[in-house]
Amino acid sequence: MELRGATGELRWVYMVAAVIGPWKVSSVAPGELVLDAAIVSHDTYRLTQHDLTAHLRVGKRIYTWSVESITFWSATRMTVKLGAREP
């Protein structure tokens, strides 16, 4: 599976923890999805909290997943291990 988009957000509850630019979700193993994204802006405190969710826009639809872990490669690039997709 591969999904691409131009905009999205990582949220802590209802607050934006990070705004992301071009992104790609890919399957790295059966049942394991990874989000690779450019970071447009972020709130360091909110990104360190538990229960983050990824909200990814594809056209008029928004797909939402729980966030299991985040790896920062630089100030402008991150990889996110996604958990369960939320309704």
PDB file of N, CA and C in Angstrom:
ATOM      1  N   MET A   1       0.847  -1.184   0.000  1.00  0.00           N
ATOM      2  CA  MET A   1       0.000   0.000   0.000  1.00  0.00           C
ATOM      3  C   MET A   1       0.889   1.243   0.000  1.00  0.00           C
ATOM      4  N   GLU A   2       0.491   2.220  -0.759  1.00  0.00           N
ATOM      5  CA  GLU A   2       1.170   3.512  -0.736  1.00  0.00           C
ATOM      6  C   GLU A   2       0.124   4.603  -0.928  1.00  0.00           C
ATOM      7  N   LEU A   3       0.240   5.643  -0.119  1.00  0.00           N
ATOM      8  CA  LEU A   3      -0.688   6.767  -0.147  1.00  0.00           C
ATOM      9  C   LEU A   3       0.143   8.029  -0.052  1.00  0.00           C
ATOM     10  N   ARG A   4      -0.177   9.021  -0.876  1.00  0.00           N
ATOM     11  CA  ARG A   4       0.581  10.284  -0.872  1.00  0.00           C
ATOM     12  C   ARG A   4      -0.368  11.473  -0.737  1.00  0.00           C
ATOM     13  N   GLY A   5       0.170  12.548  -0.167  1.00  0.00           N
ATOM     14  CA  GLY A   5      -0.618  13.756  -0.046  1.00  0.00           C
ATOM     15  C   GLY A   5       0.268  14.973   0.139  1.00  0.00           C
ATOM     16  N   ALA A   6      -0.370  16.133   0.137  1.00  0.00           N
ATOM     17  CA  ALA A   6       0.371  17.395   0.224  1.00  0.00           C
ATOM     18  C   ALA A   6       0.323  18.019   1.609  1.00  0.00           C
ATOM     19  N   THR A   7      -0.735  17.739   2.382  1.00  0.00           N
ATOM     20  CA  THR A   7      -0.864  18.384   3.695  1.00  0.00           C
ATOM     21  C   THR A   7      -1.382  17.398   4.735  1.00  0.00           C
ATOM     22  N   GLY A   8      -1.111  17.718   5.977  1.00  0.00           N
ATOM     23  CA  GLY A   8      -1.604  16.903   7.079  1.00  0.00           C
ATOM     24  C   GLY A   8      -1.187  17.505   8.401  1.00  0.00           C
ATOM     25  N   GLU A   9      -1.592  16.850   9.480  1.00  0.00           N
ATOM     26  CA  GLU A   9      -1.266  17.324  10.823  1.00  0.00           C
ATOM     27  C   GLU A   9      -1.045  16.137  11.749  1.00  0.00           C
ATOM     28  N   LEU A  10      -0.209  16.343  12.739  1.00  0.00           N
ATOM     29  CA  LEU A  10      -0.150  15.457  13.891  1.00  0.00           C
ATOM     30  C   LEU A  10      -0.826  16.234  15.005  1.00  0.00           C
ATOM     31  N   ARG A  11      -1.741  15.577  15.716  1.00  0.00           N
ATOM     32  CA  ARG A  11      -2.499  16.269  16.763  1.00  0.00           C
ATOM     33  C   ARG A  11      -2.364  15.556  18.098  1.00  0.00           C
ATOM     34  N   TRP A  12      -2.385  16.359  19.135  1.00  0.00           N
ATOM     35  CA  TRP A  12      -2.470  15.866  20.502  1.00  0.00           C
ATOM     36  C   TRP A  12      -3.831  16.327  20.999  1.00  0.00           C
ATOM     37  N   VAL A  13      -4.722  15.409  21.218  1.00  0.00           N
ATOM     38  CA  VAL A  13      -6.131  15.676  21.497  1.00  0.00           C
ATOM     39  C   VAL A  13      -6.665  16.467  20.304  1.00  0.00           C
ATOM     40  N   TYR A  14      -7.060  17.716  20.489  1.00  0.00           N
ATOM     41  CA  TYR A  14      -7.559  18.525  19.370  1.00  0.00           C
ATOM     42  C   TYR A  14      -6.534  19.579  18.938  1.00  0.00           C
ATOM     43  N   MET A  15      -5.398  19.652  19.630  1.00  0.00           N
ATOM     44  CA  MET A  15      -4.399  20.682  19.342  1.00  0.00           C
ATOM     45  C   MET A  15      -3.368  20.186  18.320  1.00  0.00           C
ATOM     46  N   VAL A  16      -2.981  21.071  17.429  1.00  0.00           N
ATOM     47  CA  VAL A  16      -2.007  20.726  16.396  1.00  0.00           C
ATOM     48  C   VAL A  16      -0.612  20.653  17.015  1.00  0.00           C
ATOM     49  N   ALA A  17       0.025  19.490  16.876  1.00  0.00           N
ATOM     50  CA  ALA A  17       1.394  19.304  17.355  1.00  0.00           C
ATOM     51  C   ALA A  17       2.389  19.568  16.232  1.00  0.00           C
ATOM     52  N   ALA A  18       1.987  19.274  14.989  1.00  0.00           N
ATOM     53  CA  ALA A  18       2.856  19.527  13.838  1.00  0.00           C
ATOM     54  C   ALA A  18       2.012  19.642  12.584  1.00  0.00           C
ATOM     55  N   VAL A  19       2.400  20.556  11.736  1.00  0.00           N
ATOM     56  CA  VAL A  19       1.821  20.665  10.391  1.00  0.00           C
ATOM     57  C   VAL A  19       2.850  20.046   9.455  1.00  0.00           C
ATOM     58  N   ILE A  20       2.383  19.133   8.606  1.00  0.00           N
ATOM     59  CA  ILE A  20       3.312  18.474   7.700  1.00  0.00           C
ATOM     60  C   ILE A  20       2.998  18.835   6.258  1.00  0.00           C
ATOM     61  N   GLY A  21       4.049  18.825   5.452  1.00  0.00           N
ATOM     62  CA  GLY A  21       3.929  19.143   4.033  1.00  0.00           C
ATOM     63  C   GLY A  21       3.822  17.865   3.233  1.00  0.00           C
ATOM     64  N   PRO A  22       4.483  17.774   2.121  1.00  0.00           N
ATOM     65  CA  PRO A  22       4.378  16.548   1.324  1.00  0.00           C
ATOM     66  C   PRO A  22       4.692  15.321   2.176  1.00  0.00           C
ATOM     67  N   TRP A  23       3.841  14.297   2.064  1.00  0.00           N
ATOM     68  CA  TRP A  23       3.997  13.095   2.878  1.00  0.00           C
ATOM     69  C   TRP A  23       3.690  11.854   2.058  1.00  0.00           C
ATOM     70  N   LYS A  24       4.147  10.712   2.570  1.00  0.00           N
ATOM     71  CA  LYS A  24       3.880   9.421   1.939  1.00  0.00           C
ATOM     72  C   LYS A  24       3.703   8.379   3.032  1.00  0.00           C
ATOM     73  N   VAL A  25       2.635   7.575   2.926  1.00  0.00           N
ATOM     74  CA  VAL A  25       2.429   6.437   3.816  1.00  0.00           C
ATOM     75  C   VAL A  25       2.749   5.192   3.004  1.00  0.00           C
ATOM     76  N   SER A  26       3.582   4.334   3.559  1.00  0.00           N
ATOM     77  CA  SER A  26       3.915   3.093   2.863  1.00  0.00           C
ATOM     78  C   SER A  26       3.904   1.929   3.838  1.00  0.00           C
ATOM     79  N   SER A  27       3.699   0.740   3.304  1.00  0.00           N
ATOM     80  CA  SER A  27       3.692  -0.477   4.094  1.00  0.00           C
ATOM     81  C   SER A  27       5.100  -1.060   4.077  1.00  0.00           C
ATOM     82  N   VAL A  28       5.707  -1.212   5.248  1.00  0.00           N
ATOM     83  CA  VAL A  28       7.068  -1.739   5.325  1.00  0.00           C
ATOM     84  C   VAL A  28       7.074  -3.219   5.687  1.00  0.00           C
ATOM     85  N   ALA A  29       5.963  -3.716   6.207  1.00  0.00           N
ATOM     86  CA  ALA A  29       5.776  -5.130   6.541  1.00  0.00           C
ATOM     87  C   ALA A  29       4.267  -5.343   6.654  1.00  0.00           C
ATOM     88  N   PRO A  30       3.809  -6.575   6.617  1.00  0.00           N
ATOM     89  CA  PRO A  30       2.363  -6.803   6.754  1.00  0.00           C
ATOM     90  C   PRO A  30       1.814  -6.164   8.031  1.00  0.00           C
ATOM     91  N   GLY A  31       0.861  -5.286   7.857  1.00  0.00           N
ATOM     92  CA  GLY A  31       0.240  -4.616   9.000  1.00  0.00           C
ATOM     93  C   GLY A  31       1.039  -3.493   9.613  1.00  0.00           C
ATOM     94  N   GLU A  32       2.166  -3.126   9.017  1.00  0.00           N
ATOM     95  CA  GLU A  32       3.003  -2.045   9.569  1.00  0.00           C
ATOM     96  C   GLU A  32       3.110  -0.909   8.561  1.00  0.00           C
ATOM     97  N   LEU A  33       2.567   0.263   8.943  1.00  0.00           N
ATOM     98  CA  LEU A  33       2.584   1.434   8.072  1.00  0.00           C
ATOM     99  C   LEU A  33       3.505   2.504   8.628  1.00  0.00           C
ATOM    100  N   VAL A  34       4.204   3.176   7.713  1.00  0.00           N
ATOM    101  CA  VAL A  34       5.126   4.241   8.092  1.00  0.00           C
ATOM    102  C   VAL A  34       4.806   5.488   7.287  1.00  0.00           C
ATOM    103  N   LEU A  35       4.780   6.628   7.974  1.00  0.00           N
ATOM    104  CA  LEU A  35       4.564   7.930   7.358  1.00  0.00           C
ATOM    105  C   LEU A  35       5.903   8.647   7.268  1.00  0.00           C
ATOM    106  N   ASP A  36       6.273   9.062   6.072  1.00  0.00           N
ATOM    107  CA  ASP A  36       7.481   9.880   5.881  1.00  0.00           C
ATOM    108  C   ASP A  36       6.983  11.255   5.472  1.00  0.00           C
ATOM    109  N   ALA A  37       7.397  12.306   6.201  1.00  0.00           N
ATOM    110  CA  ALA A  37       6.813  13.622   5.961  1.00  0.00           C
ATOM    111  C   ALA A  37       7.799  14.759   6.167  1.00  0.00           C
ATOM    112  N   ALA A  38       7.543  15.847   5.449  1.00  0.00           N
ATOM    113  CA  ALA A  38       8.256  17.103   5.672  1.00  0.00           C
ATOM    114  C   ALA A  38       7.541  17.847   6.796  1.00  0.00           C
ATOM    115  N   ILE A  39       8.314  18.479   7.670  1.00  0.00           N
ATOM    116  CA  ILE A  39       7.753  19.244   8.783  1.00  0.00           C
ATOM    117  C   ILE A  39       7.673  20.711   8.374  1.00  0.00           C
ATOM    118  N   VAL A  40       6.465  21.259   8.383  1.00  0.00           N
ATOM    119  CA  VAL A  40       6.272  22.670   8.055  1.00  0.00           C
ATOM    120  C   VAL A  40       6.406  23.516   9.318  1.00  0.00           C
ATOM    121  N   SER A  41       5.741  23.088  10.390  1.00  0.00           N
ATOM    122  CA  SER A  41       5.848  23.755  11.687  1.00  0.00           C
ATOM    123  C   SER A  41       5.509  22.738  12.772  1.00  0.00           C
ATOM    124  N   HIS A  42       5.940  23.017  14.011  1.00  0.00           N
ATOM    125  CA  HIS A  42       5.651  22.081  15.089  1.00  0.00           C
ATOM    126  C   HIS A  42       5.720  22.758  16.449  1.00  0.00           C
ATOM    127  N   ASP A  43       5.115  22.085  17.417  1.00  0.00           N
ATOM    128  CA  ASP A  43       5.167  22.489  18.809  1.00  0.00           C
ATOM    129  C   ASP A  43       5.892  21.360  19.549  1.00  0.00           C
ATOM    130  N   THR A  44       7.083  21.619  20.012  1.00  0.00           N
ATOM    131  CA  THR A  44       7.933  20.582  20.612  1.00  0.00           C
ATOM    132  C   THR A  44       7.245  19.912  21.800  1.00  0.00           C
ATOM    133  N   TYR A  45       6.626  20.682  22.657  1.00  0.00           N
ATOM    134  CA  TYR A  45       5.959  20.103  23.823  1.00  0.00           C
ATOM    135  C   TYR A  45       4.857  19.142  23.404  1.00  0.00           C
ATOM    136  N   ARG A  46       3.986  19.545  22.505  1.00  0.00           N
ATOM    137  CA  ARG A  46       2.874  18.696  22.077  1.00  0.00           C
ATOM    138  C   ARG A  46       3.370  17.424  21.391  1.00  0.00           C
ATOM    139  N   LEU A  47       4.460  17.514  20.645  1.00  0.00           N
ATOM    140  CA  LEU A  47       4.987  16.328  19.960  1.00  0.00           C
ATOM    141  C   LEU A  47       5.540  15.287  20.930  1.00  0.00           C
ATOM    142  N   THR A  48       5.832  15.680  22.169  1.00  0.00           N
ATOM    143  CA  THR A  48       6.365  14.727  23.141  1.00  0.00           C
ATOM    144  C   THR A  48       5.264  14.042  23.949  1.00  0.00           C
ATOM    145  N   GLN A  49       4.016  14.400  23.709  1.00  0.00           N
ATOM    146  CA  GLN A  49       2.904  13.838  24.475  1.00  0.00           C
ATOM    147  C   GLN A  49       2.463  12.482  23.913  1.00  0.00           C
ATOM    148  N   HIS A  50       1.771  11.720  24.747  1.00  0.00           N
ATOM    149  CA  HIS A  50       1.211  10.435  24.323  1.00  0.00           C
ATOM    150  C   HIS A  50      -0.105  10.675  23.591  1.00  0.00           C
ATOM    151  N   ASP A  51      -0.576   9.656  22.909  1.00  0.00           N
ATOM    152  CA  ASP A  51      -1.874   9.685  22.216  1.00  0.00           C
ATOM    153  C   ASP A  51      -1.942  10.695  21.086  1.00  0.00           C
ATOM    154  N   LEU A  52      -0.872  10.804  20.312  1.00  0.00           N
ATOM    155  CA  LEU A  52      -0.901  11.638  19.115  1.00  0.00           C
ATOM    156  C   LEU A  52      -1.651  10.905  18.005  1.00  0.00           C
ATOM    157  N   THR A  53      -2.242  11.671  17.115  1.00  0.00           N
ATOM    158  CA  THR A  53      -2.888  11.095  15.939  1.00  0.00           C
ATOM    159  C   THR A  53      -2.408  11.826  14.692  1.00  0.00           C
ATOM    160  N   ALA A  54      -2.352  11.096  13.584  1.00  0.00           N
ATOM    161  CA  ALA A  54      -1.974  11.668  12.292  1.00  0.00           C
ATOM    162  C   ALA A  54      -3.241  11.862  11.477  1.00  0.00           C
ATOM    163  N   HIS A  55      -3.439  13.084  10.974  1.00  0.00           N
ATOM    164  CA  HIS A  55      -4.604  13.428  10.156  1.00  0.00           C
ATOM    165  C   HIS A  55      -4.076  13.825   8.781  1.00  0.00           C
ATOM    166  N   LEU A  56      -4.291  12.949   7.794  1.00  0.00           N
ATOM    167  CA  LEU A  56      -3.685  13.123   6.479  1.00  0.00           C
ATOM    168  C   LEU A  56      -4.748  13.378   5.428  1.00  0.00           C
ATOM    169  N   ARG A  57      -4.591  14.480   4.711  1.00  0.00           N
ATOM    170  CA  ARG A  57      -5.578  14.887   3.716  1.00  0.00           C
ATOM    171  C   ARG A  57      -5.200  14.325   2.345  1.00  0.00           C
ATOM    172  N   VAL A  58      -6.196  13.656   1.732  1.00  0.00           N
ATOM    173  CA  VAL A  58      -6.068  13.167   0.349  1.00  0.00           C
ATOM    174  C   VAL A  58      -7.310  13.657  -0.379  1.00  0.00           C
ATOM    175  N   GLY A  59      -7.147  14.684  -1.203  1.00  0.00           N
ATOM    176  CA  GLY A  59      -8.310  15.299  -1.846  1.00  0.00           C
ATOM    177  C   GLY A  59      -9.217  15.887  -0.785  1.00  0.00           C
ATOM    178  N   LYS A  60     -10.487  15.479  -0.795  1.00  0.00           N
ATOM    179  CA  LYS A  60     -11.445  15.982   0.192  1.00  0.00           C
ATOM    180  C   LYS A  60     -11.545  15.087   1.418  1.00  0.00           C
ATOM    181  N   ARG A  61     -10.847  13.959   1.405  1.00  0.00           N
ATOM    182  CA  ARG A  61     -10.905  13.009   2.517  1.00  0.00           C
ATOM    183  C   ARG A  61      -9.760  13.244   3.500  1.00  0.00           C
ATOM    184  N   ILE A  62     -10.011  12.920   4.757  1.00  0.00           N
ATOM    185  CA  ILE A  62      -8.973  12.971   5.780  1.00  0.00           C
ATOM    186  C   ILE A  62      -8.896  11.583   6.416  1.00  0.00           C
ATOM    187  N   TYR A  63      -7.710  10.981   6.354  1.00  0.00           N
ATOM    188  CA  TYR A  63      -7.459   9.680   6.960  1.00  0.00           C
ATOM    189  C   TYR A  63      -6.771   9.911   8.295  1.00  0.00           C
ATOM    190  N   THR A  64      -7.178   9.156   9.313  1.00  0.00           N
ATOM    191  CA  THR A  64      -6.636   9.339  10.654  1.00  0.00           C
ATOM    192  C   THR A  64      -6.091   8.020  11.194  1.00  0.00           C
ATOM    193  N   TRP A  65      -4.863   8.072  11.717  1.00  0.00           N
ATOM    194  CA  TRP A  65      -4.221   6.925  12.354  1.00  0.00           C
ATOM    195  C   TRP A  65      -3.691   7.345  13.712  1.00  0.00           C
ATOM    196  N   SER A  66      -3.569   6.390  14.614  1.00  0.00           N
ATOM    197  CA  SER A  66      -2.856   6.648  15.863  1.00  0.00           C
ATOM    198  C   SER A  66      -1.359   6.650  15.547  1.00  0.00           C
ATOM    199  N   VAL A  67      -0.592   7.354  16.368  1.00  0.00           N
ATOM    200  CA  VAL A  67       0.856   7.439  16.193  1.00  0.00           C
ATOM    201  C   VAL A  67       1.517   6.572  17.253  1.00  0.00           C
ATOM    202  N   GLU A  68       2.363   5.628  16.817  1.00  0.00           N
ATOM    203  CA  GLU A  68       3.079   4.769  17.765  1.00  0.00           C
ATOM    204  C   GLU A  68       4.435   5.337  18.141  1.00  0.00           C
ATOM    205  N   SER A  69       5.152   5.903  17.164  1.00  0.00           N
ATOM    206  CA  SER A  69       6.464   6.482  17.457  1.00  0.00           C
ATOM    207  C   SER A  69       6.845   7.469  16.359  1.00  0.00           C
ATOM    208  N   ILE A  70       7.768   8.375  16.703  1.00  0.00           N
ATOM    209  CA  ILE A  70       8.243   9.383  15.751  1.00  0.00           C
ATOM    210  C   ILE A  70       9.767   9.375  15.764  1.00  0.00           C
ATOM    211  N   THR A  71      10.365   9.404  14.581  1.00  0.00           N
ATOM    212  CA  THR A  71      11.812   9.550  14.445  1.00  0.00           C
ATOM    213  C   THR A  71      12.073  10.818  13.654  1.00  0.00           C
ATOM    214  N   PHE A  72      12.856  11.733  14.227  1.00  0.00           N
ATOM    215  CA  PHE A  72      13.204  12.971  13.541  1.00  0.00           C
ATOM    216  C   PHE A  72      14.551  12.783  12.857  1.00  0.00           C
ATOM    217  N   TRP A  73      14.599  13.040  11.557  1.00  0.00           N
ATOM    218  CA  TRP A  73      15.838  12.917  10.792  1.00  0.00           C
ATOM    219  C   TRP A  73      16.562  14.252  10.704  1.00  0.00           C
ATOM    220  N   SER A  74      15.790  15.328  10.754  1.00  0.00           N
ATOM    221  CA  SER A  74      16.346  16.680  10.746  1.00  0.00           C
ATOM    222  C   SER A  74      15.252  17.602  11.250  1.00  0.00           C
ATOM    223  N   ALA A  75      15.504  18.893  11.218  1.00  0.00           N
ATOM    224  CA  ALA A  75      14.496  19.857  11.663  1.00  0.00           C
ATOM    225  C   ALA A  75      13.315  19.924  10.707  1.00  0.00           C
ATOM    226  N   THR A  76      13.474  19.355   9.510  1.00  0.00           N
ATOM    227  CA  THR A  76      12.416  19.459   8.503  1.00  0.00           C
ATOM    228  C   THR A  76      11.905  18.109   7.998  1.00  0.00           C
ATOM    229  N   ARG A  77      12.336  17.002   8.614  1.00  0.00           N
ATOM    230  CA  ARG A  77      11.959  15.674   8.115  1.00  0.00           C
ATOM    231  C   ARG A  77      11.719  14.703   9.264  1.00  0.00           C
ATOM    232  N   MET A  78      10.636  13.897   9.170  1.00  0.00           N
ATOM    233  CA  MET A  78      10.351  12.906  10.197  1.00  0.00           C
ATOM    234  C   MET A  78       9.744  11.649   9.584  1.00  0.00           C
ATOM    235  N   THR A  79       9.889  10.556  10.329  1.00  0.00           N
ATOM    236  CA  THR A  79       9.235   9.298   9.996  1.00  0.00           C
ATOM    237  C   THR A  79       8.375   8.923  11.189  1.00  0.00           C
ATOM    238  N   VAL A  80       7.129   8.505  10.912  1.00  0.00           N
ATOM    239  CA  VAL A  80       6.171   8.190  11.969  1.00  0.00           C
ATOM    240  C   VAL A  80       5.669   6.773  11.762  1.00  0.00           C
ATOM    241  N   LYS A  81       5.771   5.937  12.804  1.00  0.00           N
ATOM    242  CA  LYS A  81       5.196   4.606  12.747  1.00  0.00           C
ATOM    243  C   LYS A  81       3.724   4.757  13.131  1.00  0.00           C
ATOM    244  N   LEU A  82       2.856   4.333  12.222  1.00  0.00           N
ATOM    245  CA  LEU A  82       1.420   4.484  12.433  1.00  0.00           C
ATOM    246  C   LEU A  82       0.835   3.247  13.080  1.00  0.00           C
ATOM    247  N   GLY A  83      -0.159   3.469  13.914  1.00  0.00           N
ATOM    248  CA  GLY A  83      -0.874   2.365  14.564  1.00  0.00           C
ATOM    249  C   GLY A  83      -2.187   2.120  13.846  1.00  0.00           C
ATOM    250  N   ALA A  84      -3.222   1.905  14.623  1.00  0.00           N
ATOM    251  CA  ALA A  84      -4.544   1.589  14.084  1.00  0.00           C
ATOM    252  C   ALA A  84      -5.161   2.794  13.383  1.00  0.00           C
ATOM    253  N   ARG A  85      -5.847   2.526  12.293  1.00  0.00           N
ATOM    254  CA  ARG A  85      -6.589   3.579  11.601  1.00  0.00           C
ATOM    255  C   ARG A  85      -7.852   3.864  12.399  1.00  0.00           C
ATOM    256  N   GLU A  86      -8.155   5.133  12.543  1.00  0.00           N
ATOM    257  CA  GLU A  86      -9.317   5.546  13.322  1.00  0.00           C
ATOM    258  C   GLU A  86     -10.455   5.953  12.396  1.00  0.00           C
ATOM    259  N   PRO A  87     -11.676   5.775  12.851  1.00  0.00           N
ATOM    260  CA  PRO A  87     -12.837   6.137  11.996  1.00  0.00           C
ATOM    261  C   PRO A  87     -12.951   7.621  11.764  1.00  0.00           C
TER     262      PRO A  87
END
